[in-house]
């Protein structure tokens, strides 16, 4: 691994660009601290990547979030170039970026997900009363393929419904209308094929939205307070989904736990944020790993997996 020449890609042109820039810098700092031969390149459009001379590099660390960096396009391109990289392959990336596909896969594996409707803005919108009959009230409106809780709205009446559809559609045409479940939000990570300690996400807002996630002091992370038996069930289900999608080096699942301790899968993150204070590194800290150790394991594991493919 010490002979690898690593290229870290960050930036992109998705709504998560700002977070990607932070991830890229943190990964680069860790790589240098570990004595790795690493370069950091900030990109914008996919054409920037196509024009990169990859010949000096033996490994690509994808620090992009959302858009072409996480939806399978970059992963497919790197695969065609025979370039090894971190994270899921292009198939799992495409599934993970699409919340509807993720729900379908989870359902096939007997994982609970909130009741939902798929809405495309080119179609006639669902009547508010019909939505309420299907998913109850309040409910969530959000884009199918955005990360970092961008464009997520809690809806309690018809006026809010119409406004939320209008605003969420600014991000994309495919929207997910989903049952709003109150309860404890948790996250479950995987690292090198092992499930990490479950993390409770503590916040006061009705939903874990972008501002709540990234405004200092508005969110805290703690080792899960769920009882041992419930944690074991969630970890088992999480490993089942990760394994089904062939995700082994690292990734993250988000769940909501209702008042009866029933877990509902919210989404999968195939390239979770790696800012030093993000929730995925927090799970690693609860396993008594340092940030640098986490980066070393991610790279080592992804290299090992792709060397045998």
Protein backbone atom coordinates (compact mmCIF):
# COMPACT_ATOMS: atom_id res chain seq x y z
CA UNK A 1 0.00 0.00 0.00
CA UNK A 2 2.91 2.35 0.69
CA UNK A 3 3.85 2.18 -3.02
CA UNK A 4 0.42 3.26 -4.24
CA UNK A 5 0.10 6.68 -5.87
CA UNK A 6 -3.29 7.95 -4.77
CA UNK A 7 -5.49 10.58 -6.40
CA UNK A 8 -8.20 12.05 -4.17
CA UNK A 9 -11.13 13.55 -6.08
CA UNK A 10 -13.37 16.14 -4.42
CA UNK A 11 -15.78 18.89 -5.36
CA UNK A 12 -18.18 17.88 -8.12
CA UNK A 13 -21.23 19.84 -9.20
CA UNK A 14 -23.95 18.36 -6.99
CA UNK A 15 -25.74 20.13 -4.14
CA UNK A 16 -23.24 18.40 -1.83
CA UNK A 17 -20.13 20.06 -3.30
CA UNK A 18 -19.31 22.01 -0.12
CA UNK A 19 -19.35 18.83 1.98
CA UNK A 20 -17.24 17.02 -0.61
CA UNK A 21 -14.56 19.71 -0.43
CA UNK A 22 -14.32 19.18 3.33
CA UNK A 23 -14.20 15.40 2.93
CA UNK A 24 -11.45 15.67 0.33
CA UNK A 25 -9.28 17.90 2.49
CA UNK A 26 -9.71 15.66 5.55
CA UNK A 27 -8.83 12.54 3.55
CA UNK A 28 -5.81 14.27 2.00
CA UNK A 29 -4.55 15.40 5.41
CA UNK A 30 -4.91 11.85 6.74
CA UNK A 31 -3.14 10.37 3.72
CA UNK A 32 -0.20 12.72 4.21
CA UNK A 33 -0.13 11.97 7.94
CA UNK A 34 0.06 8.26 7.07
CA UNK A 35 2.96 8.88 4.71
CA UNK A 36 0.97 8.05 1.58
CA UNK A 37 1.90 9.39 -1.83
CA UNK A 38 -1.31 11.32 -2.46
CA UNK A 39 -2.56 14.19 -4.60
CA UNK A 40 -5.81 16.12 -4.13
CA UNK A 41 -7.69 17.32 -7.19
CA UNK A 42 -10.82 19.47 -7.04
CA UNK A 43 -13.13 18.85 -10.00
CA UNK A 44 -16.40 20.37 -11.12
CA UNK A 45 -17.92 18.80 -14.22
CA UNK A 46 -17.54 15.17 -15.28
CA UNK A 47 -15.49 16.41 -18.24
CA UNK A 48 -12.82 17.48 -15.73
CA UNK A 49 -12.43 13.83 -14.74
CA UNK A 50 -12.38 12.56 -18.31
CA UNK A 51 -9.48 14.94 -19.01
CA UNK A 52 -7.36 13.72 -16.06
CA UNK A 53 -4.16 11.84 -16.89
CA UNK A 54 -4.63 8.76 -14.73
CA UNK A 55 -1.40 7.05 -15.77
CA UNK A 56 0.62 8.17 -12.68
CA UNK A 57 -2.03 6.81 -10.29
CA UNK A 58 -2.77 3.32 -9.05
CA UNK A 59 -5.73 4.14 -6.79
CA UNK A 60 -8.53 6.73 -6.77
CA UNK A 61 -10.06 7.88 -3.50
CA UNK A 62 -13.53 9.22 -4.32
CA UNK A 63 -14.33 12.05 -1.91
CA UNK A 64 -17.27 13.23 -4.00
CA UNK A 65 -20.84 13.19 -2.69
CA UNK A 66 -23.99 13.04 -4.79
CA UNK A 67 -24.35 13.51 -8.54
CA UNK A 68 -22.02 11.68 -10.90
CA UNK A 69 -19.57 11.00 -8.06
CA UNK A 70 -21.96 8.77 -6.14
CA UNK A 71 -24.65 7.57 -8.57
CA UNK A 72 -22.50 5.01 -10.39
CA UNK A 73 -21.28 7.05 -13.35
CA UNK A 74 -17.82 7.75 -11.95
CA UNK A 75 -17.54 4.20 -10.62
CA UNK A 76 -18.40 2.77 -14.06
CA UNK A 77 -15.87 5.08 -15.72
CA UNK A 78 -13.11 4.06 -13.30
CA UNK A 79 -13.99 0.40 -13.77
CA UNK A 80 -13.69 0.79 -17.54
CA UNK A 81 -10.30 2.43 -16.97
CA UNK A 82 -9.22 -0.46 -14.69
CA UNK A 83 -8.70 2.06 -11.90
CA UNK A 84 -9.14 0.80 -8.35
CA UNK A 85 -11.19 2.99 -6.03
CA UNK A 86 -12.87 3.17 -2.64
CA UNK A 87 -16.55 2.59 -2.04
CA UNK A 88 -19.25 0.59 -3.77
CA UNK A 89 -19.18 -0.54 -7.41
CA UNK A 90 -21.28 1.20 -10.04
CA UNK A 91 -24.28 -1.09 -9.57
CA UNK A 92 -24.58 -0.61 -5.80
CA UNK A 93 -23.82 3.10 -6.20
CA UNK A 94 -26.69 3.52 -8.66
CA UNK A 95 -29.07 1.69 -6.35
CA UNK A 96 -27.92 3.53 -3.25
CA UNK A 97 -28.33 6.95 -4.80
CA UNK A 98 -31.94 6.21 -5.75
CA UNK A 99 -34.12 6.09 -2.64
CA UNK A 100 -36.91 4.24 -4.45
CA UNK A 101 -34.57 1.47 -5.65
CA UNK A 102 -33.08 1.24 -2.16
CA UNK A 103 -36.56 0.79 -0.69
CA UNK A 104 -37.35 -1.94 -3.23
CA UNK A 105 -34.16 -3.86 -2.38
CA UNK A 106 -34.76 -3.44 1.34
CA UNK A 107 -38.33 -4.70 0.97
CA UNK A 108 -37.10 -7.79 -0.88
CA UNK A 109 -34.83 -8.53 2.09
CA UNK A 110 -37.68 -8.07 4.61
CA UNK A 111 -36.38 -4.77 6.00
CA UNK A 112 -39.00 -2.24 7.05
CA UNK A 113 -39.22 1.07 5.20
CA UNK A 114 -41.78 3.88 5.59
CA UNK A 115 -44.87 3.73 3.35
CA UNK A 116 -44.30 5.85 0.26
CA UNK A 117 -45.39 7.11 -3.14
CA UNK A 118 -43.21 7.92 -6.15
CA UNK A 119 -44.06 11.16 -7.92
CA UNK A 120 -42.63 12.50 -11.18
CA UNK A 121 -43.20 16.19 -11.80
CA UNK A 122 -44.23 15.56 -15.42
CA UNK A 123 -47.27 13.65 -14.14
CA UNK A 124 -50.39 15.10 -12.62
CA UNK A 125 -49.70 15.54 -8.89
CA UNK A 126 -51.33 13.25 -6.38
CA UNK A 127 -54.29 14.83 -4.64
CA UNK A 128 -53.46 15.74 -1.07
CA UNK A 129 -56.28 13.59 0.31
CA UNK A 130 -55.02 10.56 -1.65
CA UNK A 131 -51.51 11.04 -0.27
CA UNK A 132 -52.83 11.19 3.28
CA UNK A 133 -54.81 7.97 2.73
CA UNK A 134 -51.61 6.20 1.61
CA UNK A 135 -48.94 7.54 3.98
CA UNK A 136 -50.83 9.41 6.72
CA UNK A 137 -50.08 12.88 8.01
CA UNK A 138 -47.69 14.52 8.53
CA UNK A 139 -45.57 13.16 5.69
CA UNK A 140 -42.23 13.83 3.99
CA UNK A 141 -41.58 15.16 0.48
CA UNK A 142 -38.02 14.82 -0.80
CA UNK A 143 -36.02 14.31 -4.00
CA UNK A 144 -35.28 10.69 -4.87
CA UNK A 145 -31.55 11.14 -5.46
CA UNK A 146 -30.31 13.99 -3.28
CA UNK A 147 -28.07 13.56 -0.25
CA UNK A 148 -27.36 15.60 2.88
CA UNK A 149 -31.13 15.97 3.39
CA UNK A 150 -31.32 18.56 0.62
CA UNK A 151 -34.86 19.48 -0.42
CA UNK A 152 -36.58 17.58 2.41
CA UNK A 153 -39.89 18.93 3.71
CA UNK A 154 -42.32 17.92 6.46
CA UNK A 155 -45.89 18.42 5.25
CA UNK A 156 -48.91 18.92 7.53
CA UNK A 157 -51.50 20.46 5.18
CA UNK A 158 -52.42 20.86 1.53
CA UNK A 159 -50.77 24.26 1.09
CA UNK A 160 -47.48 22.91 2.46
CA UNK A 161 -47.81 19.90 0.17
CA UNK A 162 -48.10 21.99 -2.99
CA UNK A 163 -45.25 24.27 -1.90
CA UNK A 164 -42.97 21.37 -0.94
CA UNK A 165 -43.49 19.65 -4.29
CA UNK A 166 -42.62 22.90 -6.04
CA UNK A 167 -39.44 23.43 -4.03
CA UNK A 168 -38.27 19.81 -3.99
CA UNK A 169 -38.66 19.64 -7.77
CA UNK A 170 -36.01 22.36 -8.09
CA UNK A 171 -33.50 19.62 -7.28
CA UNK A 172 -34.89 16.95 -9.63
CA UNK A 173 -38.07 15.68 -11.28
CA UNK A 174 -38.35 12.44 -9.30
CA UNK A 175 -39.79 12.92 -5.81
CA UNK A 176 -40.49 10.56 -2.94
CA UNK A 177 -43.54 11.11 -0.74
CA UNK A 178 -43.00 9.16 2.44
CA UNK A 179 -44.67 8.39 5.76
CA UNK A 180 -43.25 10.57 8.54
CA UNK A 181 -42.17 8.40 11.44
CA UNK A 182 -41.21 10.02 14.71
CA UNK A 183 -38.63 8.40 16.92
CA UNK A 184 -34.91 7.96 17.45
CA UNK A 185 -32.68 8.30 14.39
CA UNK A 186 -29.66 6.03 14.25
CA UNK A 187 -26.91 5.23 11.81
CA UNK A 188 -25.19 1.91 11.16
CA UNK A 189 -21.83 1.79 9.41
CA UNK A 190 -19.72 -0.97 7.93
CA UNK A 191 -15.93 -0.97 7.80
CA UNK A 192 -13.86 -3.78 6.31
CA UNK A 193 -16.83 -6.13 6.36
CA UNK A 194 -17.69 -5.55 10.02
CA UNK A 195 -20.64 -3.60 11.39
CA UNK A 196 -19.57 -0.58 13.44
CA UNK A 197 -21.15 0.46 16.75
CA UNK A 198 -24.64 1.90 16.23
CA UNK A 199 -24.77 5.67 16.70
CA UNK A 200 -27.71 7.65 18.09
CA UNK A 201 -28.20 10.98 16.31
CA UNK A 202 -29.38 13.62 18.77
CA UNK A 203 -31.08 16.78 17.47
CA UNK A 204 -34.05 19.02 18.31
CA UNK A 205 -35.46 19.84 14.86
CA UNK A 206 -38.41 17.79 13.54
CA UNK A 207 -36.10 16.28 10.89
CA UNK A 208 -32.37 15.76 10.47
CA UNK A 209 -32.09 18.34 7.68
CA UNK A 210 -29.07 19.99 6.08
CA UNK A 211 -28.82 22.89 8.54
CA UNK A 212 -29.20 20.56 11.51
CA UNK A 213 -26.49 18.25 10.18
CA UNK A 214 -23.89 20.88 9.44
CA UNK A 215 -24.51 23.76 11.87
CA UNK A 216 -22.10 23.35 14.82
CA UNK A 217 -23.84 22.58 18.09
CA UNK A 218 -27.17 21.50 16.60
CA UNK A 219 -26.39 17.78 16.46
CA UNK A 220 -24.57 15.35 18.72
CA UNK A 221 -23.67 11.69 18.33
CA UNK A 222 -23.70 9.09 21.07
CA UNK A 223 -23.23 5.32 21.32
CA UNK A 224 -26.68 3.84 20.88
CA UNK A 225 -28.92 3.56 23.92
CA UNK A 226 -31.09 0.88 22.29
CA UNK A 227 -31.20 -2.39 24.16
CA UNK A 228 -28.75 -5.09 23.14
CA UNK A 229 -31.28 -7.40 21.45
CA UNK A 230 -32.69 -4.63 19.23
CA UNK A 231 -29.18 -3.54 18.26
CA UNK A 232 -28.32 -7.11 17.26
CA UNK A 233 -31.38 -7.31 14.99
CA UNK A 234 -30.53 -3.98 13.34
CA UNK A 235 -26.89 -4.96 12.86
CA UNK A 236 -27.91 -8.28 11.34
CA UNK A 237 -30.34 -6.60 8.92
CA UNK A 238 -27.72 -3.98 8.04
CA UNK A 239 -25.10 -6.59 7.25
CA UNK A 240 -27.65 -8.44 5.11
CA UNK A 241 -28.29 -5.33 3.00
CA UNK A 242 -24.62 -4.38 2.73
CA UNK A 243 -23.74 -7.94 1.69
CA UNK A 244 -26.56 -8.09 -0.86
CA UNK A 245 -25.23 -4.91 -2.48
CA UNK A 246 -21.63 -6.16 -2.29
CA UNK A 247 -20.56 -3.27 -0.05
CA UNK A 248 -17.70 -4.33 2.18
CA UNK A 249 -15.06 -1.61 2.57
CA UNK A 250 -17.32 1.11 3.99
CA UNK A 251 -20.83 2.52 3.87
CA UNK A 252 -23.64 3.74 6.10
CA UNK A 253 -27.33 3.03 6.67
CA UNK A 254 -29.75 5.43 8.35
CA UNK A 255 -32.76 4.18 10.32
CA UNK A 256 -35.57 5.67 12.36
CA UNK A 257 -36.76 3.71 15.41
CA UNK A 258 -40.43 4.21 16.28
CA UNK A 259 -42.02 4.19 19.73
CA UNK A 260 -42.41 0.40 19.64
CA UNK A 261 -38.68 -0.02 18.84
CA UNK A 262 -39.43 -1.05 15.25
CA UNK A 263 -36.61 0.03 12.88
CA UNK A 264 -37.37 1.59 9.49
CA UNK A 265 -34.63 2.01 6.90
CA UNK A 266 -34.44 5.57 5.58
CA UNK A 267 -31.52 5.39 3.14
CA UNK A 268 -28.10 4.01 2.34
CA UNK A 269 -24.96 6.10 1.88
CA UNK A 270 -22.39 4.43 -0.37
CA UNK A 271 -19.94 7.33 0.05
CA UNK A 272 -20.68 8.68 3.54
CA UNK A 273 -19.26 12.03 4.53
CA UNK A 274 -15.76 11.79 5.98
CA UNK A 275 -15.41 15.19 7.58
CA UNK A 276 -13.69 14.47 10.89
CA UNK A 277 -16.89 15.40 12.76
CA UNK A 278 -19.32 13.56 10.47
CA UNK A 279 -21.37 10.69 11.81
CA UNK A 280 -19.48 7.88 10.03
CA UNK A 281 -16.11 8.77 11.59
CA UNK A 282 -17.92 9.08 14.93
CA UNK A 283 -18.92 5.42 14.65
CA UNK A 284 -15.27 4.56 14.04
CA UNK A 285 -14.23 6.59 17.08
CA UNK A 286 -16.68 4.56 19.18
CA UNK A 287 -14.74 1.50 17.95
CA UNK A 288 -11.58 3.21 19.26
CA UNK A 289 -10.19 3.93 15.81
CA UNK A 290 -8.54 7.23 14.96
CA UNK A 291 -9.47 9.13 11.82
CA UNK A 292 -6.17 8.20 10.17
CA UNK A 293 -6.68 4.52 11.02
CA UNK A 294 -10.14 4.66 9.47
CA UNK A 295 -8.75 6.05 6.20
CA UNK A 296 -5.97 3.46 6.16
CA UNK A 297 -8.46 0.61 6.65
CA UNK A 298 -10.83 1.94 3.95
CA UNK A 299 -8.01 2.09 1.43
CA UNK A 300 -6.47 -1.24 2.42
CA UNK A 301 -9.82 -3.03 2.32
CA UNK A 302 -10.90 -1.60 -1.03
CA UNK A 303 -7.52 -2.49 -2.54
CA UNK A 304 -7.75 -6.03 -1.19
CA UNK A 305 -11.28 -6.49 -2.54
CA UNK A 306 -10.51 -5.14 -6.01
CA UNK A 307 -7.30 -7.12 -6.28
CA UNK A 308 -9.33 -10.35 -6.15
CA UNK A 309 -12.16 -9.28 -8.48
